[in-house]
Amino acid sequence: MIDVVKPTLLLNKEKCLNNLNRINKLAELNNINFRPHFKTHQSLEVGRWFKKFGVKSITVSSVSMAKYFSDEWDDILIAFPLNILELEEIKFLQDKIKLSILIDSYETLKFLDINLKHKINVYLKVDVGYNRAGIRHDNIESINKIINFSESSGIINFMGFISHFGNTYNSKSKDEIK
């Protein structure tokens, strides 16, 4: 038995590699760019397994995770709305990798436009009704304002929308998820 005294990643490598192979084949079959979220494993070693399957871009949930993975990955999306207090870290990452970020307000977009020197890929976080995070899906005026501002900016490269439904978290079976 292993003495585990702090949060530690324990997984079955063979099962993980089989799952990676399966999902990678599914993505290829459907011509989908597979950008996995590294939120759960947070491991460079596991990240290298993904590379062996041809994965070129990843998603993380914080600026610190992006910094951690930036030595081995050069296309990273931070899937959490930008905290403007982390601007210096964002600038550091921008100089090192192809960085994509989420924003959830017009004010954040303007802040980036004023304070960044290099183009940045930006996704708008949209709340689809579960009150998790982002701009409400029915706030068309604000969404249009963000898109229009992005189109006139030399810094902002508007990539599209991201939402996280979260409506399967309380599901108790595969049928409920479907």
Protein backbone atom coordinates (compact mmCIF):
# COMPACT_ATOMS: atom_id res chain seq x y z
CA MET A 1 0.00 0.00 0.00
CA ILE A 2 1.16 3.52 -0.77
CA ASP A 3 1.26 6.05 2.03
CA VAL A 4 -0.48 9.07 0.55
CA VAL A 5 -0.35 12.11 2.82
CA LYS A 6 -1.33 14.85 0.37
CA PRO A 7 -3.36 15.12 -2.82
CA THR A 8 -1.57 12.82 -5.25
CA LEU A 9 -2.33 11.67 -8.77
CA LEU A 10 -2.77 7.91 -8.83
CA LEU A 11 -3.91 6.38 -12.09
CA ASN A 12 -3.76 3.26 -14.19
CA LYS A 13 -1.35 4.21 -16.99
CA GLU A 14 -2.52 1.46 -19.35
CA LYS A 15 -6.17 2.45 -18.96
CA CYS A 16 -5.30 6.12 -19.42
CA LEU A 17 -3.34 5.41 -22.62
CA ASN A 18 -6.20 3.28 -23.95
CA ASN A 19 -8.64 6.13 -23.24
CA LEU A 20 -6.31 8.60 -24.94
CA ASN A 21 -6.05 6.36 -27.98
CA ARG A 22 -9.84 5.99 -28.14
CA ILE A 23 -10.63 9.71 -27.82
CA ASN A 24 -7.84 10.64 -30.24
CA LYS A 25 -9.21 8.25 -32.88
CA LEU A 26 -12.70 9.67 -32.34
CA ALA A 27 -11.40 13.23 -32.78
CA GLU A 28 -9.51 12.28 -35.95
CA LEU A 29 -12.52 10.44 -37.37
CA ASN A 30 -14.66 13.56 -36.88
CA ASN A 31 -11.94 16.02 -37.96
CA ILE A 32 -11.94 17.70 -34.54
CA ASN A 33 -8.98 19.55 -33.05
CA PHE A 34 -8.63 17.78 -29.69
CA ARG A 35 -7.66 20.34 -27.01
CA PRO A 36 -7.77 18.45 -23.70
CA HIS A 37 -8.23 20.16 -20.36
CA PHE A 38 -5.32 19.43 -18.02
CA LYS A 39 -7.23 20.59 -14.92
CA THR A 40 -7.48 17.16 -13.33
CA HIS A 41 -4.06 15.59 -13.82
CA GLN A 42 -1.90 18.76 -13.66
CA SER A 43 1.10 16.61 -14.58
CA LEU A 44 3.89 17.15 -17.11
CA GLU A 45 4.39 13.40 -17.32
CA VAL A 46 0.75 12.74 -18.19
CA GLY A 47 0.86 15.72 -20.55
CA ARG A 48 3.67 14.01 -22.45
CA TRP A 49 1.40 11.02 -23.02
CA PHE A 50 -1.01 13.33 -24.84
CA LYS A 51 1.84 14.56 -27.06
CA LYS A 52 2.56 10.99 -28.13
CA PHE A 53 -0.97 10.92 -29.56
CA GLY A 54 -0.36 14.09 -31.55
CA VAL A 55 -2.09 16.59 -29.25
CA LYS A 56 -0.66 20.04 -29.95
CA SER A 57 -2.85 22.40 -27.91
CA ILE A 58 -4.12 22.22 -24.34
CA THR A 59 -6.49 23.90 -21.93
CA VAL A 60 -5.71 24.80 -18.32
CA SER A 61 -7.72 26.48 -15.60
CA SER A 62 -5.32 29.14 -14.31
CA VAL A 63 -2.43 31.38 -15.24
CA SER A 64 -0.15 29.44 -12.89
CA MET A 65 -1.04 26.18 -14.66
CA ALA A 66 -0.32 27.84 -18.01
CA LYS A 67 3.11 28.86 -16.72
CA TYR A 68 3.74 25.32 -15.45
CA PHE A 69 2.95 23.75 -18.82
CA SER A 70 4.50 26.50 -20.98
CA ASP A 71 7.95 24.89 -21.04
CA GLU A 72 6.56 21.91 -22.95
CA TRP A 73 3.44 23.27 -24.68
CA ASP A 74 3.24 26.26 -26.99
CA ASP A 75 -0.53 26.55 -27.55
CA ILE A 76 -2.44 27.02 -24.30
CA LEU A 77 -5.97 28.23 -23.55
CA ILE A 78 -6.68 29.46 -20.01
CA ALA A 79 -10.30 28.38 -19.53
CA PHE A 80 -11.17 30.74 -16.72
CA PRO A 81 -12.14 34.40 -17.14
CA LEU A 82 -9.12 36.69 -17.02
CA ASN A 83 -8.13 38.32 -13.75
CA ILE A 84 -6.69 41.68 -14.81
CA LEU A 85 -4.39 41.62 -11.76
CA GLU A 86 -2.45 38.84 -13.54
CA LEU A 87 -1.57 41.08 -16.49
CA GLU A 88 2.21 40.75 -16.06
CA GLU A 89 1.97 36.95 -16.09
CA ILE A 90 -0.20 37.15 -19.21
CA LYS A 91 2.43 39.33 -20.91
CA PHE A 92 5.14 36.84 -19.92
CA LEU A 93 3.17 33.95 -21.39
CA GLN A 94 2.36 35.92 -24.54
CA ASP A 95 6.08 36.33 -25.22
CA LYS A 96 6.63 32.59 -24.80
CA ILE A 97 3.63 30.73 -26.29
CA LYS A 98 0.48 31.07 -28.37
CA LEU A 99 -1.89 32.09 -25.59
CA SER A 100 -5.67 32.17 -25.65
CA ILE A 101 -7.76 33.58 -22.81
CA LEU A 102 -11.38 34.00 -21.73
CA ILE A 103 -13.01 37.30 -20.98
CA ASP A 104 -16.41 37.91 -19.45
CA SER A 105 -16.88 41.65 -19.85
CA TYR A 106 -16.39 44.58 -22.18
CA GLU A 107 -14.31 46.32 -19.51
CA THR A 108 -11.79 43.46 -19.45
CA LEU A 109 -11.55 43.56 -23.23
CA LYS A 110 -10.83 47.32 -23.19
CA PHE A 111 -8.25 46.81 -20.45
CA LEU A 112 -6.43 44.24 -22.59
CA ASP A 113 -6.58 46.46 -25.66
CA ILE A 114 -4.95 49.30 -23.74
CA ASN A 115 -2.37 47.27 -21.80
CA LEU A 116 -1.14 44.58 -24.20
CA LYS A 117 1.37 45.14 -26.99
CA HIS A 118 0.88 41.86 -28.86
CA LYS A 119 -2.23 40.30 -30.39
CA ILE A 120 -4.05 37.84 -28.15
CA ASN A 121 -6.68 35.22 -28.89
CA VAL A 122 -9.81 35.93 -26.87
CA TYR A 123 -12.92 33.82 -26.27
CA LEU A 124 -16.05 35.24 -24.68
CA LYS A 125 -17.29 33.22 -21.71
CA VAL A 126 -21.07 32.89 -22.02
CA ASP A 127 -23.44 31.91 -19.21
CA VAL A 128 -26.08 29.72 -20.82
CA GLY A 129 -28.49 29.88 -17.91
CA TYR A 130 -26.79 27.94 -15.12
CA ASN A 131 -25.42 31.12 -13.47
CA ARG A 132 -21.88 29.76 -13.41
CA ALA A 133 -19.73 32.41 -15.08
CA GLY A 134 -19.70 34.71 -18.06
CA ILE A 135 -21.97 37.12 -19.85
CA ARG A 136 -25.58 35.98 -20.02
CA HIS A 137 -26.50 34.41 -23.35
CA ASP A 138 -29.46 36.77 -23.73
CA ASN A 139 -27.41 39.94 -23.18
CA ILE A 140 -27.16 40.53 -26.93
CA GLU A 141 -26.26 44.21 -26.57
CA SER A 142 -23.14 43.45 -24.51
CA ILE A 143 -22.16 40.52 -26.70
CA ASN A 144 -22.41 42.69 -29.83
CA LYS A 145 -20.44 45.47 -28.13
CA ILE A 146 -17.63 43.00 -27.37
CA ILE A 147 -17.60 41.58 -30.90
CA ASN A 148 -17.66 45.04 -32.52
CA PHE A 149 -14.87 46.32 -30.29
CA SER A 150 -12.78 43.22 -31.04
CA GLU A 151 -13.16 43.73 -34.78
CA SER A 152 -11.80 47.29 -34.50
CA SER A 153 -8.91 46.34 -32.20
CA GLY A 154 -5.39 45.68 -33.40
CA ILE A 155 -4.71 43.62 -30.27
CA ILE A 156 -7.81 41.47 -29.77
CA ASN A 157 -8.29 38.42 -31.98
CA PHE A 158 -11.87 37.34 -31.19
CA MET A 159 -12.00 33.55 -31.54
CA GLY A 160 -15.60 32.84 -30.53
CA PHE A 161 -17.63 31.73 -27.55
CA ILE A 162 -17.07 29.26 -24.73
CA SER A 163 -19.64 28.03 -22.25
CA HIS A 164 -19.63 25.36 -19.60
CA PHE A 165 -23.03 23.92 -18.92
CA GLY A 166 -22.30 21.96 -15.75
CA ASN A 167 -25.74 20.37 -15.96
CA THR A 168 -24.35 16.83 -15.72
CA TYR A 169 -22.58 17.25 -12.38
CA ASN A 170 -25.52 15.95 -10.37
CA SER A 171 -26.32 13.14 -12.80
CA LYS A 172 -26.32 9.71 -11.26
CA SER A 173 -26.18 7.60 -14.44
CA LYS A 174 -25.14 7.64 -18.08
CA ASP A 175 -28.81 7.87 -19.07
CA GLU A 176 -29.25 11.08 -17.06
CA ILE A 177 -26.22 12.56 -18.81
CA LYS A 178 -27.67 11.72 -22.24
